[in-house]
Every structure is written in C-alpha cells, then in structure tokens.
Amino acid sequence: MRIGRATSAFLLLFGIWTWFLWPNFLRNIWADDRSWNDGPTAFFLVHLALTAVSFAAGNAIGWIGLKGVRANRANRADGTAAPAPADGPAPSDAAAEARAGARG
C-alpha cells in the first residue's frame, strides 16, 4: 500500500502532536484535586487509561507516517517514484494489460 507525501506528513505530524498533547494532559490530570483521595480516584484512572490508549495510538500513527515519509523520500531520491493517482490506488498490472489488449 502506498501512502502519498501529504498523507505521510500529516500522520507524522499527528504523532509529533501526540508527544506534546498527552504528557501535558496527564500532568494536568495528575495535579487536579479530583485525582487523589487517599489514592487514585476513578476520575484519575479513567483519564490515565484515556491517555495511555491515545498516546499508544498516536505513536503508532506517527510511526506509519514516518515510514511513509522515508519511503517517499527514498523513492524520490532514486527516481523510482511514480506520481500517486489523485483518485485512488494505481490499477493492477492485469487491468492495465487488459486495457492495452482491448485497444488493439
């Protein structure tokens, strides 16, 4: 599966944004008075779970974006990159051959 440059960059930026957003969110929840009452409260535990899942998902999305950016950069450097179609994935070789055969 190919990911275009713009999509790869967006996914990578989303992953970077995750590193700013969720640690700051957790610091704010940690400092909130509702988080502690002789130990962690349900409020804190729910938000901790939200932070952990969102941070993990953001890192996975960022990793996909990083791989896409690197692949696009490598393809552009060696000249093997074909422009990504604007309206969907590239047709398969069999479909291209069938069209060529139909033309005569």
Protein backbone atom coordinates (compact mmCIF):
# COMPACT_ATOMS: atom_id res chain seq x y z
CA MET A 1 0.00 0.00 0.00
CA ARG A 2 1.33 3.42 -0.93
CA ILE A 3 0.84 6.49 1.19
CA GLY A 4 1.27 9.84 -0.51
CA ARG A 5 3.64 12.53 0.72
CA ALA A 6 0.91 14.76 2.12
CA THR A 7 -0.79 11.91 3.98
CA SER A 8 2.54 10.66 5.34
CA ALA A 9 3.43 14.14 6.55
CA PHE A 10 0.02 14.54 8.20
CA LEU A 11 0.36 11.21 10.01
CA LEU A 12 3.87 12.09 11.16
CA LEU A 13 2.73 15.49 12.44
CA PHE A 14 -0.14 13.78 14.26
CA GLY A 15 2.39 11.53 16.00
CA ILE A 16 4.55 14.51 16.96
CA TRP A 17 1.48 16.38 18.25
CA THR A 18 0.75 13.35 20.45
CA TRP A 19 4.05 13.92 22.28
CA PHE A 20 3.00 17.46 23.16
CA LEU A 21 -0.66 16.87 23.93
CA TRP A 22 -0.91 13.73 26.07
CA PRO A 23 2.00 14.20 28.52
CA ASN A 24 0.73 17.73 29.21
CA PHE A 25 -2.82 16.38 29.66
CA LEU A 26 -1.57 13.77 32.14
CA ARG A 27 0.37 16.40 34.11
CA ASN A 28 -2.80 18.47 34.38
CA ILE A 29 -4.89 15.50 35.47
CA TRP A 30 -2.21 14.50 37.99
CA ALA A 31 -2.36 17.96 39.57
CA ASP A 32 -6.17 18.08 39.65
CA ASP A 33 -7.73 17.81 43.12
CA ARG A 34 -10.26 15.26 41.84
CA SER A 35 -7.47 12.79 41.00
CA TRP A 36 -6.42 11.88 44.55
CA ASN A 37 -8.33 10.91 47.67
CA ASP A 38 -6.23 8.50 49.75
CA GLY A 39 -5.00 7.09 46.46
CA PRO A 40 -6.03 7.46 42.85
CA THR A 41 -9.71 8.12 42.17
CA ALA A 42 -11.84 6.75 39.36
CA PHE A 43 -11.51 10.17 37.68
CA PHE A 44 -7.74 9.76 37.56
CA LEU A 45 -7.79 6.12 36.47
CA VAL A 46 -10.22 6.79 33.60
CA HIS A 47 -8.11 9.68 32.37
CA LEU A 48 -4.92 7.65 32.78
CA ALA A 49 -6.41 4.91 30.60
CA LEU A 50 -7.53 7.50 28.04
CA THR A 51 -4.04 8.98 27.97
CA ALA A 52 -2.31 5.60 27.63
CA VAL A 53 -4.52 4.41 24.77
CA SER A 54 -4.37 7.74 22.93
CA PHE A 55 -0.61 8.03 23.37
CA ALA A 56 -0.10 4.50 22.03
CA ALA A 57 -2.40 5.12 19.05
CA GLY A 58 -0.71 8.44 18.31
CA ASN A 59 2.71 6.80 18.35
CA ALA A 60 1.53 4.04 16.00
CA ILE A 61 0.04 6.61 13.62
CA GLY A 62 3.22 8.67 13.77
CA TRP A 63 5.33 5.59 13.05
CA ILE A 64 3.25 4.83 9.94
CA GLY A 65 3.71 8.44 8.85
CA LEU A 66 7.46 8.28 9.42
CA LYS A 67 7.75 5.11 7.36
CA GLY A 68 5.72 6.75 4.58
CA VAL A 69 7.87 9.90 4.60
CA ARG A 70 11.05 7.81 4.47
CA ALA A 71 9.70 5.62 1.65
CA ASN A 72 8.62 8.64 -0.38
CA ARG A 73 11.99 10.33 0.17
CA ALA A 74 13.89 7.17 -0.85
CA ASN A 75 11.74 6.69 -3.96
CA ARG A 76 12.18 10.33 -4.97
CA ALA A 77 15.97 10.12 -4.47
CA ASP A 78 16.43 7.10 -6.75
CA GLY A 79 13.85 8.21 -9.32
CA THR A 80 11.56 5.18 -8.97
CA ALA A 81 8.60 7.07 -7.58
CA ALA A 82 5.63 7.33 -9.87
CA PRO A 83 3.16 10.07 -9.03
CA ALA A 84 0.38 8.80 -6.82
CA PRO A 85 -3.02 8.93 -8.51
CA ALA A 86 -5.33 11.57 -7.10
CA ASP A 87 -8.46 9.42 -7.21
CA GLY A 88 -7.35 6.13 -5.68
CA PRO A 89 -4.83 3.32 -5.89
CA ALA A 90 -2.94 2.52 -9.06
CA PRO A 91 -4.55 -0.11 -11.29
CA SER A 92 -3.10 -3.60 -11.18
CA ASP A 93 -0.84 -4.84 -13.97
CA ALA A 94 -3.52 -7.28 -15.14
CA ALA A 95 -6.04 -4.47 -15.52
CA ALA A 96 -3.52 -2.36 -17.45
CA GLU A 97 -2.73 -5.27 -19.76
CA ALA A 98 -6.44 -5.91 -20.35
CA ARG A 99 -6.97 -2.28 -21.32
CA ALA A 100 -3.96 -2.36 -23.62
CA GLY A 101 -5.23 -5.55 -25.25
CA ALA A 102 -8.69 -4.06 -25.75
CA ARG A 103 -7.20 -1.12 -27.62
CA GLY A 104 -5.83 -3.47 -30.19
